[in-house]
Amino acid sequence: MSRIVARTVGRKGTCDVVLRDGSVSRCHAEVVCLPEGRIHVADRATGSGTFVRRGDEWHPIRQALLDPGDVLRFGACTITAGELGALCVRADAEPDEGHSSQDDASAEDGSRE
C-alpha cells in the first residue's frame, strides 16, 4: 500500500461499506488505510457505538489502530480486520482518489460473521 486511503462504513448507500441494519448509523465510522498496511478506525459519535474484539472480549472504541486478528462491530454488524484490509488493497489499486462503486462485499442483511 503506497498511500493513505479513507473509506466510510454505514447504512447510507453512499458509504464505501454499506451495512443494511437499523443498528448501524447512516455514516457510522471512518476507516483509514495507512501506507504501511495498518488500519485505523474511528467511530463518528454514533449512538450504538463501535467495538473491537481482541481475544474473547469486546471493547468500545472512539478510535483504534487495528491488529490483524481484530474483529469490529458497528452496531450489531461485525467485520474482520482482514475484510477491511482487503477493501484497503482494492482502494489502493484505484487510479484516482474518486470512487463510484460500493464495496462488492457490502452486507445486504447486515451480518458479517
Protein backbone atom coordinates (compact mmCIF):
# COMPACT_ATOMS: atom_id res chain seq x y z
CA MET A 1 0.00 0.00 0.00
CA SER A 2 1.54 3.28 -1.05
CA ARG A 3 -0.93 5.98 0.01
CA ILE A 4 -3.42 6.87 2.70
CA VAL A 5 -6.97 5.86 1.75
CA ALA A 6 -10.06 6.84 3.78
CA ARG A 7 -13.31 4.93 3.48
CA THR A 8 -16.68 5.17 5.24
CA VAL A 9 -18.80 2.47 6.87
CA GLY A 10 -22.51 2.92 7.45
CA ARG A 11 -26.12 2.28 6.47
CA LYS A 12 -26.25 5.06 3.87
CA GLY A 13 -25.94 3.90 0.25
CA THR A 14 -23.10 6.33 -0.46
CA CYS A 15 -20.79 4.73 2.14
CA ASP A 16 -17.94 2.59 0.85
CA VAL A 17 -19.01 -0.34 3.04
CA VAL A 18 -22.80 -0.47 3.33
CA LEU A 19 -24.27 -2.39 6.28
CA ARG A 20 -28.04 -2.58 5.89
CA ASP A 21 -29.04 -2.86 9.53
CA GLY A 22 -31.02 -0.46 11.71
CA SER A 23 -28.41 -0.63 14.48
CA VAL A 24 -25.83 0.96 12.16
CA SER A 25 -25.77 4.75 11.76
CA ARG A 26 -26.07 6.31 8.31
CA CYS A 27 -22.36 7.17 8.42
CA HIS A 28 -21.12 5.08 11.34
CA ALA A 29 -17.31 5.11 11.09
CA GLU A 30 -14.32 6.09 9.03
CA VAL A 31 -11.63 3.59 8.14
CA VAL A 32 -8.20 4.92 7.20
CA CYS A 33 -5.83 2.59 5.38
CA LEU A 34 -2.28 3.64 6.19
CA PRO A 35 0.67 3.24 3.80
CA GLU A 36 2.42 0.64 5.98
CA GLY A 37 -0.64 -1.62 5.77
CA ARG A 38 -2.15 -0.77 9.16
CA ILE A 39 -5.80 0.20 9.52
CA HIS A 40 -7.15 2.99 11.74
CA VAL A 41 -10.88 3.09 12.53
CA ALA A 42 -12.80 5.97 14.10
CA ASP A 43 -16.39 5.95 15.32
CA ARG A 44 -18.37 9.03 14.25
CA ALA A 45 -20.01 9.57 17.67
CA THR A 46 -22.76 7.04 16.98
CA GLY A 47 -25.45 6.02 19.43
CA SER A 48 -24.84 2.27 19.09
CA GLY A 49 -21.07 2.59 19.07
CA THR A 50 -18.12 0.84 17.51
CA PHE A 51 -16.40 -2.04 19.28
CA VAL A 52 -13.26 -4.09 18.69
CA ARG A 53 -12.90 -7.70 19.80
CA ARG A 54 -9.44 -8.66 20.90
CA GLY A 55 -9.29 -12.23 22.13
CA ASP A 56 -12.62 -13.03 23.76
CA GLU A 57 -13.56 -9.51 24.87
CA TRP A 58 -15.36 -6.63 23.14
CA HIS A 59 -14.02 -3.13 23.85
CA PRO A 60 -15.87 0.11 22.97
CA ILE A 61 -13.70 2.45 20.93
CA ARG A 62 -13.78 6.01 19.63
CA GLN A 63 -10.73 5.24 17.52
CA ALA A 64 -8.22 2.42 17.29
CA LEU A 65 -5.31 1.09 15.28
CA LEU A 66 -6.29 -2.47 14.34
CA ASP A 67 -4.29 -5.64 14.77
CA PRO A 68 -4.60 -8.40 12.12
CA GLY A 69 -6.84 -10.68 14.25
CA ASP A 70 -9.26 -7.97 15.39
CA VAL A 71 -12.99 -8.08 14.72
CA LEU A 72 -15.01 -4.86 14.58
CA ARG A 73 -18.67 -4.40 15.49
CA PHE A 74 -20.63 -1.48 14.09
CA GLY A 75 -23.98 -1.57 15.90
CA ALA A 76 -24.93 -5.26 15.64
CA CYS A 77 -22.85 -5.95 12.49
CA THR A 78 -19.37 -7.44 12.54
CA ILE A 79 -16.49 -7.32 10.06
CA THR A 80 -12.94 -8.60 10.42
CA ALA A 81 -9.79 -6.52 10.15
CA GLY A 82 -8.86 -8.80 7.24
CA GLU A 83 -12.03 -7.87 5.35
CA LEU A 84 -11.29 -4.19 5.88
CA GLY A 85 -7.69 -4.82 4.77
CA ALA A 86 -8.97 -6.27 1.50
CA LEU A 87 -11.01 -3.09 0.98
CA CYS A 88 -7.84 -1.06 1.52
CA VAL A 89 -5.88 -3.10 -1.03
CA ARG A 90 -8.63 -2.69 -3.64
CA ALA A 91 -8.85 1.04 -2.91
CA ASP A 92 -5.09 1.43 -3.28
CA ALA A 93 -5.30 -0.15 -6.74
CA GLU A 94 -7.75 2.51 -7.96
CA PRO A 95 -6.17 5.01 -10.38
CA ASP A 96 -7.51 8.13 -8.61
CA GLU A 97 -8.91 9.31 -5.29
CA GLY A 98 -12.52 9.20 -6.51
CA HIS A 99 -14.67 6.14 -6.27
CA SER A 100 -18.01 5.37 -7.80
CA SER A 101 -18.83 1.86 -6.68
CA GLN A 102 -19.63 0.44 -3.29
CA ASP A 103 -17.70 -2.37 -1.66
CA ASP A 104 -18.52 -5.59 -3.52
CA ALA A 105 -18.85 -7.36 -0.19
CA SER A 106 -21.39 -4.96 1.34
CA ALA A 107 -23.75 -6.86 3.57
CA GLU A 108 -27.33 -6.98 2.38
CA ASP A 109 -28.57 -8.39 5.66
CA GLY A 110 -26.14 -6.56 7.95
CA SER A 111 -24.37 -9.70 9.15
CA ARG A 112 -20.65 -10.04 8.54
CA GLU A 113 -19.75 -13.04 10.76
